[in-house]
């Protein structure tokens, strides 16, 4: 299993997802009609870094409300996950969930949930990631967006690049 790398449109910043975070999300891909959406939060060591390295994904939790086309987290369980991860030096930097589609995109509910998370952080976060794992491909198709708060919440889709096509000096220059 490999890491995956996503860049902002100007290629000035990136988000690197480690193999362990991706593996956790991949376990919940909806490849069968009876499988329900799953999701949780993603974590990085330095949430304020220009570029992020996502090392951990949590969820789903038993109390989550899940159907084929929706995922609503158990808020208390998610808060416990955040406390545990914070104690380990990690900070929540976004949400992930699955979609039963090949080319996933955020629904209106996904956008609303992300907006609520940004508000809940009360200016502690200026951006929050939304990651959606589709049901096709090997590895599964993953799409990532950054929601940032200015006068309103704006969304930027990140572009995936092959890690082999990017030099290490390019990565560290953006970090």
N, C-alpha and C. Protein backbone atom coordinates (compact mmCIF):
# COMPACT_ATOMS: atom_id res chain seq x y z
N UNK A 1 0.85 -1.17 0.00
CA UNK A 1 0.00 0.00 0.00
C UNK A 1 0.90 1.24 0.00
N UNK A 2 0.47 2.25 -0.75
CA UNK A 2 1.28 3.46 -0.90
C UNK A 2 0.59 4.69 -0.33
N UNK A 3 1.41 5.70 -0.03
CA UNK A 3 0.89 7.01 0.32
C UNK A 3 0.23 7.62 -0.92
N UNK A 4 -0.60 8.63 -0.71
CA UNK A 4 -1.20 9.36 -1.83
C UNK A 4 -1.04 10.85 -1.57
N UNK A 5 -0.84 11.60 -2.65
CA UNK A 5 -0.48 13.01 -2.57
C UNK A 5 -1.46 13.86 -3.37
N UNK A 6 -1.99 14.90 -2.73
CA UNK A 6 -2.95 15.81 -3.36
C UNK A 6 -2.43 17.24 -3.23
N UNK A 7 -2.51 17.99 -4.31
CA UNK A 7 -2.02 19.37 -4.33
C UNK A 7 -3.16 20.38 -4.46
N UNK A 8 -2.93 21.55 -3.86
CA UNK A 8 -3.79 22.70 -4.10
C UNK A 8 -3.62 23.10 -5.57
N UNK A 9 -4.57 23.82 -6.15
CA UNK A 9 -4.47 24.19 -7.57
C UNK A 9 -3.19 24.94 -7.95
N UNK A 10 -2.65 25.75 -7.03
CA UNK A 10 -1.42 26.50 -7.35
C UNK A 10 -0.15 25.70 -7.07
N UNK A 11 -0.30 24.47 -6.61
CA UNK A 11 0.80 23.58 -6.26
C UNK A 11 1.71 24.16 -5.18
N UNK A 12 1.22 25.15 -4.42
CA UNK A 12 2.00 25.73 -3.35
C UNK A 12 1.89 24.96 -2.04
N UNK A 13 0.86 24.13 -1.92
CA UNK A 13 0.64 23.33 -0.71
C UNK A 13 0.12 21.96 -1.14
N UNK A 14 0.26 21.01 -0.25
CA UNK A 14 -0.21 19.67 -0.54
C UNK A 14 -0.76 19.01 0.72
N UNK A 15 -1.44 17.90 0.50
CA UNK A 15 -1.89 17.01 1.58
C UNK A 15 -1.40 15.62 1.21
N UNK A 16 -0.60 15.04 2.09
CA UNK A 16 -0.09 13.69 1.91
C UNK A 16 -0.86 12.78 2.86
N UNK A 17 -1.47 11.74 2.31
CA UNK A 17 -2.16 10.74 3.11
C UNK A 17 -1.25 9.53 3.24
N UNK A 18 -0.94 9.15 4.48
CA UNK A 18 -0.06 8.00 4.68
C UNK A 18 -0.82 6.70 4.39
N UNK A 19 -0.06 5.67 4.11
CA UNK A 19 -0.64 4.37 3.81
C UNK A 19 -1.54 3.88 4.94
N UNK A 20 -1.15 4.11 6.19
CA UNK A 20 -1.96 3.61 7.31
C UNK A 20 -3.31 4.33 7.40
N UNK A 21 -3.34 5.64 7.15
CA UNK A 21 -4.61 6.37 7.16
C UNK A 21 -5.50 5.89 6.00
N UNK A 22 -4.90 5.72 4.83
CA UNK A 22 -5.65 5.25 3.67
C UNK A 22 -6.19 3.84 3.87
N UNK A 23 -5.36 2.96 4.41
CA UNK A 23 -5.79 1.58 4.65
C UNK A 23 -7.04 1.55 5.52
N UNK A 24 -7.07 2.38 6.55
CA UNK A 24 -8.24 2.44 7.43
C UNK A 24 -9.49 2.83 6.63
N UNK A 25 -9.37 3.84 5.78
CA UNK A 25 -10.52 4.29 4.98
C UNK A 25 -10.92 3.24 3.94
N UNK A 26 -9.95 2.62 3.30
CA UNK A 26 -10.23 1.63 2.26
C UNK A 26 -11.02 0.44 2.79
N UNK A 27 -10.85 0.11 4.06
CA UNK A 27 -11.57 -1.05 4.63
C UNK A 27 -13.08 -0.89 4.58
N UNK A 28 -13.55 0.33 4.36
CA UNK A 28 -14.98 0.60 4.43
C UNK A 28 -15.60 0.95 3.08
N UNK A 29 -14.88 0.73 1.99
CA UNK A 29 -15.38 1.03 0.65
C UNK A 29 -16.68 0.27 0.41
N UNK A 30 -17.64 0.94 -0.20
CA UNK A 30 -18.96 0.37 -0.47
C UNK A 30 -18.99 -0.33 -1.83
N UNK A 31 -18.45 -1.51 -1.91
CA UNK A 31 -18.42 -2.23 -3.19
C UNK A 31 -19.66 -3.10 -3.40
N UNK A 32 -20.44 -3.35 -2.38
CA UNK A 32 -21.64 -4.18 -2.47
C UNK A 32 -22.88 -3.34 -2.15
N UNK A 33 -24.01 -3.72 -2.72
CA UNK A 33 -25.24 -2.93 -2.56
C UNK A 33 -25.70 -2.80 -1.11
N UNK A 34 -25.40 -3.77 -0.27
CA UNK A 34 -25.84 -3.73 1.12
C UNK A 34 -24.90 -2.96 2.04
N UNK A 35 -23.76 -2.56 1.54
CA UNK A 35 -22.81 -1.85 2.40
C UNK A 35 -23.23 -0.40 2.60
N UNK A 36 -23.11 0.05 3.84
CA UNK A 36 -23.53 1.39 4.22
C UNK A 36 -22.35 2.35 4.19
N UNK A 37 -22.65 3.63 4.05
CA UNK A 37 -21.59 4.64 4.13
C UNK A 37 -20.92 4.54 5.49
N UNK A 38 -19.66 4.85 5.51
CA UNK A 38 -18.87 4.86 6.74
C UNK A 38 -18.02 6.12 6.71
N UNK A 39 -17.56 6.54 7.87
CA UNK A 39 -16.72 7.73 7.90
C UNK A 39 -16.13 7.98 9.26
N UNK A 40 -15.43 9.09 9.35
CA UNK A 40 -14.80 9.49 10.59
C UNK A 40 -13.96 10.73 10.37
N UNK A 41 -12.97 10.91 11.20
CA UNK A 41 -12.11 12.09 11.10
C UNK A 41 -10.70 11.68 10.70
N UNK A 42 -9.97 12.66 10.16
CA UNK A 42 -8.57 12.45 9.80
C UNK A 42 -7.71 13.40 10.61
N UNK A 43 -6.45 12.96 10.87
CA UNK A 43 -5.59 13.66 11.83
C UNK A 43 -4.19 13.89 11.28
N UNK A 44 -3.61 15.01 11.73
CA UNK A 44 -2.23 15.36 11.39
C UNK A 44 -1.55 15.91 12.64
N UNK A 45 -0.22 15.90 12.64
CA UNK A 45 0.53 16.41 13.78
C UNK A 45 0.43 17.93 13.88
N UNK A 46 0.58 18.63 12.76
CA UNK A 46 0.57 20.09 12.77
C UNK A 46 -0.56 20.61 11.89
N UNK A 47 -1.72 20.93 12.50
CA UNK A 47 -2.87 21.36 11.70
C UNK A 47 -2.69 22.71 11.02
N UNK A 48 -1.71 23.49 11.46
CA UNK A 48 -1.49 24.82 10.90
C UNK A 48 -0.38 24.88 9.87
N UNK A 49 0.24 23.75 9.59
CA UNK A 49 1.32 23.71 8.59
C UNK A 49 0.74 24.06 7.21
N UNK A 50 1.55 24.66 6.39
CA UNK A 50 1.11 25.00 5.04
C UNK A 50 0.68 23.75 4.28
N UNK A 51 1.44 22.68 4.43
CA UNK A 51 1.10 21.38 3.84
C UNK A 51 0.87 20.39 4.98
N UNK A 52 -0.05 19.47 4.76
CA UNK A 52 -0.44 18.53 5.82
C UNK A 52 -0.01 17.11 5.49
N UNK A 53 0.32 16.38 6.54
CA UNK A 53 0.57 14.95 6.41
C UNK A 53 -0.46 14.26 7.31
N UNK A 54 -1.43 13.62 6.68
CA UNK A 54 -2.49 12.93 7.39
C UNK A 54 -1.99 11.53 7.74
N UNK A 55 -1.86 11.28 9.03
CA UNK A 55 -1.28 10.02 9.49
C UNK A 55 -2.30 9.03 10.03
N UNK A 56 -3.48 9.52 10.39
CA UNK A 56 -4.45 8.68 11.09
C UNK A 56 -5.86 8.99 10.63
N UNK A 57 -6.68 7.95 10.55
CA UNK A 57 -8.12 8.10 10.30
C UNK A 57 -8.84 7.29 11.37
N UNK A 58 -9.94 7.83 11.88
CA UNK A 58 -10.75 7.12 12.87
C UNK A 58 -12.15 6.92 12.31
N UNK A 59 -12.96 6.15 13.03
CA UNK A 59 -14.32 5.88 12.62
C UNK A 59 -14.36 4.69 11.67
N UNK A 60 -15.52 4.21 11.37
CA UNK A 60 -16.80 4.60 11.95
C UNK A 60 -16.94 4.09 13.38
N UNK A 61 -17.92 4.65 14.08
CA UNK A 61 -18.20 4.24 15.45
C UNK A 61 -19.57 3.56 15.51
N UNK A 62 -19.77 2.73 16.52
CA UNK A 62 -21.02 1.95 16.65
C UNK A 62 -22.26 2.83 16.65
N UNK A 63 -22.20 3.99 17.26
CA UNK A 63 -23.38 4.85 17.38
C UNK A 63 -23.66 5.71 16.15
N UNK A 64 -22.83 5.62 15.12
CA UNK A 64 -23.07 6.38 13.90
C UNK A 64 -24.38 5.93 13.26
N UNK A 65 -25.06 6.86 12.62
CA UNK A 65 -26.27 6.52 11.85
C UNK A 65 -25.84 6.42 10.39
N UNK A 66 -26.00 5.21 9.84
CA UNK A 66 -25.47 4.94 8.51
C UNK A 66 -26.52 4.26 7.64
N UNK A 67 -26.61 4.71 6.40
CA UNK A 67 -27.43 4.05 5.39
C UNK A 67 -26.58 3.92 4.13
N UNK A 68 -27.15 3.40 3.09
CA UNK A 68 -26.44 3.27 1.82
C UNK A 68 -25.98 4.62 1.30
N UNK A 69 -26.77 5.68 1.57
CA UNK A 69 -26.48 7.00 1.01
C UNK A 69 -26.33 8.10 2.07
N UNK A 70 -26.04 7.72 3.30
CA UNK A 70 -25.82 8.76 4.31
C UNK A 70 -24.97 8.23 5.45
N UNK A 71 -24.29 9.18 6.08
CA UNK A 71 -23.45 8.88 7.23
C UNK A 71 -23.56 10.06 8.18
N UNK A 72 -24.03 9.80 9.39
CA UNK A 72 -24.13 10.83 10.43
C UNK A 72 -23.40 10.32 11.66
N UNK A 73 -22.30 10.98 12.02
CA UNK A 73 -21.46 10.46 13.10
C UNK A 73 -22.11 10.57 14.48
N UNK A 74 -21.71 9.66 15.34
CA UNK A 74 -22.03 9.72 16.76
C UNK A 74 -21.11 10.81 17.33
N UNK A 75 -21.66 11.95 17.65
CA UNK A 75 -20.88 13.12 18.05
C UNK A 75 -20.04 12.84 19.30
N UNK A 76 -20.64 12.14 20.27
CA UNK A 76 -19.89 11.85 21.51
C UNK A 76 -18.72 10.91 21.24
N UNK A 77 -18.93 9.89 20.41
CA UNK A 77 -17.84 8.97 20.09
C UNK A 77 -16.75 9.70 19.31
N UNK A 78 -17.14 10.59 18.41
CA UNK A 78 -16.15 11.37 17.64
C UNK A 78 -15.34 12.26 18.59
N UNK A 79 -16.00 12.84 19.59
CA UNK A 79 -15.29 13.68 20.56
C UNK A 79 -14.28 12.85 21.36
N UNK A 80 -14.66 11.62 21.71
CA UNK A 80 -13.72 10.73 22.42
C UNK A 80 -12.54 10.39 21.53
N UNK A 81 -12.81 10.14 20.24
CA UNK A 81 -11.72 9.87 19.30
C UNK A 81 -10.76 11.06 19.25
N UNK A 82 -11.30 12.28 19.17
CA UNK A 82 -10.45 13.48 19.12
C UNK A 82 -9.61 13.62 20.38
N UNK A 83 -10.20 13.34 21.53
CA UNK A 83 -9.45 13.42 22.79
C UNK A 83 -8.29 12.42 22.80
N UNK A 84 -8.57 11.19 22.37
CA UNK A 84 -7.51 10.16 22.33
C UNK A 84 -6.40 10.56 21.36
N UNK A 85 -6.78 11.04 20.20
CA UNK A 85 -5.77 11.42 19.20
C UNK A 85 -4.98 12.65 19.67
N UNK A 86 -5.65 13.60 20.31
CA UNK A 86 -4.96 14.79 20.82
C UNK A 86 -3.93 14.38 21.87
N UNK A 87 -4.30 13.41 22.73
CA UNK A 87 -3.36 12.92 23.76
C UNK A 87 -2.13 12.27 23.10
N UNK A 88 -2.30 11.79 21.87
CA UNK A 88 -1.18 11.18 21.13
C UNK A 88 -0.46 12.22 20.26
N UNK A 89 -0.83 13.50 20.40
CA UNK A 89 -0.15 14.56 19.65
C UNK A 89 -0.74 14.85 18.27
N UNK A 90 -1.95 14.36 18.00
CA UNK A 90 -2.57 14.56 16.69
C UNK A 90 -3.77 15.49 16.80
N UNK A 91 -4.05 16.19 15.70
CA UNK A 91 -5.15 17.15 15.64
C UNK A 91 -6.08 16.81 14.48
N UNK A 92 -7.37 16.95 14.72
CA UNK A 92 -8.35 16.71 13.65
C UNK A 92 -8.18 17.78 12.58
N UNK A 93 -8.05 17.33 11.33
CA UNK A 93 -7.89 18.27 10.21
C UNK A 93 -8.95 18.06 9.14
N UNK A 94 -9.86 17.12 9.37
CA UNK A 94 -10.91 16.91 8.38
C UNK A 94 -11.75 15.69 8.64
N UNK A 95 -12.66 15.48 7.71
CA UNK A 95 -13.59 14.36 7.75
C UNK A 95 -13.37 13.48 6.53
N UNK A 96 -13.62 12.20 6.68
CA UNK A 96 -13.61 11.28 5.55
C UNK A 96 -14.90 10.47 5.60
N UNK A 97 -15.36 10.05 4.46
CA UNK A 97 -16.45 9.08 4.40
C UNK A 97 -16.50 8.45 3.01
N UNK A 98 -17.28 7.40 2.91
CA UNK A 98 -17.41 6.69 1.65
C UNK A 98 -18.66 7.16 0.92
N UNK A 99 -18.66 6.95 -0.38
CA UNK A 99 -19.84 7.17 -1.22
C UNK A 99 -20.00 5.95 -2.12
N UNK A 100 -21.25 5.56 -2.41
CA UNK A 100 -21.47 4.42 -3.31
C UNK A 100 -21.45 4.87 -4.78
N UNK A 101 -20.38 5.55 -5.16
CA UNK A 101 -20.24 6.02 -6.54
C UNK A 101 -18.78 5.97 -6.94
N UNK A 102 -18.54 5.85 -8.23
CA UNK A 102 -17.17 5.73 -8.74
C UNK A 102 -16.39 7.03 -8.63
N UNK A 103 -17.04 8.13 -8.95
CA UNK A 103 -16.39 9.44 -8.97
C UNK A 103 -17.06 10.32 -7.91
N UNK A 104 -16.66 10.20 -6.66
CA UNK A 104 -17.39 10.86 -5.58
C UNK A 104 -17.25 12.38 -5.59
N UNK A 105 -18.32 13.02 -5.13
CA UNK A 105 -18.31 14.47 -4.94
C UNK A 105 -19.17 14.80 -3.73
N UNK A 106 -18.89 15.93 -3.07
CA UNK A 106 -19.63 16.25 -1.84
C UNK A 106 -21.09 16.60 -2.12
N UNK A 107 -21.96 16.04 -1.31
CA UNK A 107 -23.38 16.36 -1.39
C UNK A 107 -23.63 17.66 -0.63
N UNK A 108 -24.83 18.16 -0.71
CA UNK A 108 -25.20 19.34 0.08
C UNK A 108 -25.03 19.08 1.57
N UNK A 109 -25.38 17.85 2.01
CA UNK A 109 -25.21 17.50 3.42
C UNK A 109 -23.73 17.46 3.80
N UNK A 110 -22.87 16.96 2.90
CA UNK A 110 -21.43 16.94 3.17
C UNK A 110 -20.92 18.37 3.38
N UNK A 111 -21.37 19.28 2.53
CA UNK A 111 -20.94 20.68 2.64
C UNK A 111 -21.43 21.31 3.94
N UNK A 112 -22.67 21.00 4.30
CA UNK A 112 -23.23 21.55 5.54
C UNK A 112 -22.48 21.00 6.75
N UNK A 113 -22.19 19.71 6.76
CA UNK A 113 -21.46 19.10 7.88
C UNK A 113 -20.08 19.73 8.03
N UNK A 114 -19.40 19.93 6.92
CA UNK A 114 -18.06 20.54 6.97
C UNK A 114 -18.15 21.96 7.49
N UNK A 115 -19.14 22.70 7.06
CA UNK A 115 -19.35 24.08 7.55
C UNK A 115 -19.57 24.08 9.07
N UNK A 116 -20.36 23.12 9.55
CA UNK A 116 -20.61 23.01 10.99
C UNK A 116 -19.33 22.67 11.76
N UNK A 117 -18.50 21.80 11.21
CA UNK A 117 -17.23 21.48 11.86
C UNK A 117 -16.33 22.71 11.92
N UNK A 118 -16.25 23.45 10.82
CA UNK A 118 -15.42 24.67 10.83
C UNK A 118 -15.93 25.64 11.90
N UNK A 119 -17.24 25.78 12.03
CA UNK A 119 -17.81 26.67 13.05
C UNK A 119 -17.52 26.16 14.45
N UNK A 120 -17.59 24.84 14.63
CA UNK A 120 -17.38 24.26 15.96
C UNK A 120 -15.95 24.52 16.47
N UNK A 121 -15.00 24.65 15.55
CA UNK A 121 -13.62 24.91 15.97
C UNK A 121 -13.41 26.37 16.34
N UNK A 122 -14.44 27.20 16.21
CA UNK A 122 -14.41 28.59 16.66
C UNK A 122 -13.11 29.31 16.32
N UNK A 123 -12.83 29.37 15.04
CA UNK A 123 -11.65 30.08 14.52
C UNK A 123 -10.32 29.41 14.84
N UNK A 124 -10.37 28.21 15.46
CA UNK A 124 -9.14 27.47 15.71
C UNK A 124 -8.61 26.83 14.43
N UNK A 125 -9.50 26.67 13.45
CA UNK A 125 -9.10 26.12 12.14
C UNK A 125 -9.62 27.07 11.06
N UNK A 126 -8.74 27.39 10.15
CA UNK A 126 -9.15 28.20 9.01
C UNK A 126 -9.51 27.33 7.82
N UNK A 127 -9.15 26.03 7.90
CA UNK A 127 -9.47 25.11 6.81
C UNK A 127 -9.78 23.74 7.39
N UNK A 128 -10.54 22.99 6.64
CA UNK A 128 -10.90 21.65 7.04
C UNK A 128 -11.02 20.80 5.78
N UNK A 129 -10.50 19.60 5.82
CA UNK A 129 -10.53 18.72 4.66
C UNK A 129 -11.81 17.89 4.62
N UNK A 130 -12.27 17.65 3.41
CA UNK A 130 -13.36 16.69 3.18
C UNK A 130 -12.81 15.67 2.20
N UNK A 131 -12.76 14.41 2.64
CA UNK A 131 -12.23 13.33 1.82
C UNK A 131 -13.36 12.33 1.59
N UNK A 132 -13.56 11.98 0.33
CA UNK A 132 -14.60 11.00 -0.01
C UNK A 132 -13.95 9.86 -0.77
N UNK A 133 -14.23 8.65 -0.31
CA UNK A 133 -13.68 7.44 -0.92
C UNK A 133 -14.78 6.82 -1.78
N UNK A 134 -14.51 6.69 -3.07
CA UNK A 134 -15.46 6.09 -4.00
C UNK A 134 -15.43 4.58 -3.93
N UNK A 135 -16.28 3.95 -4.76
CA UNK A 135 -16.41 2.50 -4.68
C UNK A 135 -15.73 1.76 -5.83
N UNK A 136 -14.94 2.44 -6.64
CA UNK A 136 -14.26 1.78 -7.77
C UNK A 136 -12.76 2.02 -7.69
N UNK A 137 -12.05 1.14 -8.36
CA UNK A 137 -10.60 1.29 -8.48
C UNK A 137 -9.84 0.46 -7.48
N UNK A 138 -8.58 0.25 -7.79
CA UNK A 138 -7.68 -0.44 -6.90
C UNK A 138 -6.32 0.25 -6.99
N UNK A 139 -5.99 1.13 -6.05
CA UNK A 139 -6.75 1.46 -4.84
C UNK A 139 -8.01 2.25 -5.18
N UNK A 140 -8.95 2.32 -4.23
CA UNK A 140 -10.19 3.03 -4.49
C UNK A 140 -9.96 4.50 -4.86
N UNK A 141 -10.87 5.01 -5.68
CA UNK A 141 -10.84 6.41 -6.06
C UNK A 141 -11.06 7.28 -4.81
N UNK A 142 -10.17 8.23 -4.58
CA UNK A 142 -10.26 9.13 -3.43
C UNK A 142 -10.25 10.56 -3.98
N UNK A 143 -11.17 11.37 -3.48
CA UNK A 143 -11.21 12.79 -3.84
C UNK A 143 -11.07 13.59 -2.54
N UNK A 144 -10.42 14.74 -2.65
CA UNK A 144 -10.19 15.57 -1.46
C UNK A 144 -10.46 17.03 -1.79
N UNK A 145 -11.09 17.71 -0.85
CA UNK A 145 -11.37 19.14 -0.95
C UNK A 145 -10.92 19.82 0.33
N UNK A 146 -10.59 21.08 0.20
CA UNK A 146 -10.30 21.91 1.37
C UNK A 146 -11.42 22.93 1.46
N UNK A 147 -12.06 22.96 2.61
CA UNK A 147 -13.05 24.00 2.89
C UNK A 147 -12.34 25.02 3.76
N UNK A 148 -12.37 26.28 3.34
CA UNK A 148 -11.72 27.31 4.15
C UNK A 148 -12.71 28.42 4.43
N UNK A 149 -12.45 29.07 5.54
CA UNK A 149 -13.37 30.10 5.99
C UNK A 149 -12.78 31.47 5.70
N UNK A 150 -13.44 32.22 4.84
CA UNK A 150 -13.13 33.63 4.67
C UNK A 150 -14.42 34.34 5.08
N UNK A 151 -14.96 35.15 4.22
CA UNK A 151 -16.25 35.77 4.51
C UNK A 151 -17.34 34.69 4.51
N UNK A 152 -17.12 33.65 3.72
CA UNK A 152 -18.01 32.49 3.68
C UNK A 152 -17.12 31.26 3.55
N UNK A 153 -17.71 30.09 3.54
CA UNK A 153 -16.91 28.87 3.37
C UNK A 153 -16.70 28.64 1.87
N UNK A 154 -15.44 28.53 1.46
CA UNK A 154 -15.13 28.25 0.07
C UNK A 154 -14.52 26.85 -0.03
N UNK A 155 -14.74 26.20 -1.16
CA UNK A 155 -14.27 24.85 -1.40
C UNK A 155 -13.26 24.83 -2.52
N UNK A 156 -12.17 24.10 -2.32
CA UNK A 156 -11.14 23.94 -3.33
C UNK A 156 -10.90 22.44 -3.50
N UNK A 157 -11.05 21.95 -4.72
CA UNK A 157 -10.75 20.54 -4.97
C UNK A 157 -9.25 20.38 -5.15
N UNK A 158 -8.69 19.39 -4.50
CA UNK A 158 -7.26 19.10 -4.60
C UNK A 158 -7.02 18.11 -5.74
N UNK A 159 -5.87 18.23 -6.38
CA UNK A 159 -5.52 17.37 -7.50
C UNK A 159 -4.53 16.31 -7.05
N UNK A 160 -4.85 15.05 -7.32
CA UNK A 160 -3.93 13.98 -6.95
C UNK A 160 -2.81 13.90 -7.97
N UNK A 161 -1.61 13.70 -7.45
CA UNK A 161 -0.42 13.53 -8.27
C UNK A 161 0.28 12.26 -7.84
N UNK A 162 0.91 11.61 -8.76
CA UNK A 162 1.72 10.44 -8.45
C UNK A 162 2.93 10.90 -7.63
N UNK A 163 3.17 10.25 -6.53
CA UNK A 163 4.32 10.61 -5.70
C UNK A 163 5.61 10.44 -6.48
N UNK A 164 5.68 9.46 -7.36
CA UNK A 164 6.91 9.24 -8.12
C UNK A 164 7.20 10.38 -9.09
N UNK A 165 6.17 11.19 -9.43
CA UNK A 165 6.39 12.30 -10.36
C UNK A 165 6.80 13.59 -9.65
N UNK A 166 6.86 13.56 -8.32
CA UNK A 166 7.18 14.75 -7.53
C UNK A 166 8.48 14.50 -6.78
N UNK A 167 9.40 15.43 -6.86
CA UNK A 167 10.66 15.26 -6.15
C UNK A 167 10.49 15.58 -4.67
N UNK A 168 11.35 15.00 -3.84
CA UNK A 168 11.30 15.28 -2.40
C UNK A 168 11.55 16.75 -2.11
N UNK A 169 12.42 17.39 -2.88
CA UNK A 169 12.68 18.81 -2.63
C UNK A 169 11.42 19.64 -2.90
N UNK A 170 10.59 19.25 -3.88
CA UNK A 170 9.34 19.94 -4.13
C UNK A 170 8.41 19.80 -2.93
N UNK A 171 8.36 18.60 -2.36
CA UNK A 171 7.49 18.38 -1.21
C UNK A 171 7.93 19.21 -0.01
N UNK A 172 9.21 19.21 0.27
CA UNK A 172 9.67 19.93 1.45
C UNK A 172 9.65 21.44 1.23
N UNK A 173 9.73 21.89 0.01
CA UNK A 173 9.62 23.32 -0.26
C UNK A 173 8.21 23.81 0.07
N UNK A 174 7.19 22.96 -0.19
CA UNK A 174 5.82 23.35 0.08
C UNK A 174 5.41 23.19 1.53
N UNK A 175 6.18 22.43 2.30
CA UNK A 175 5.78 22.16 3.71
C UNK A 175 6.05 23.35 4.60
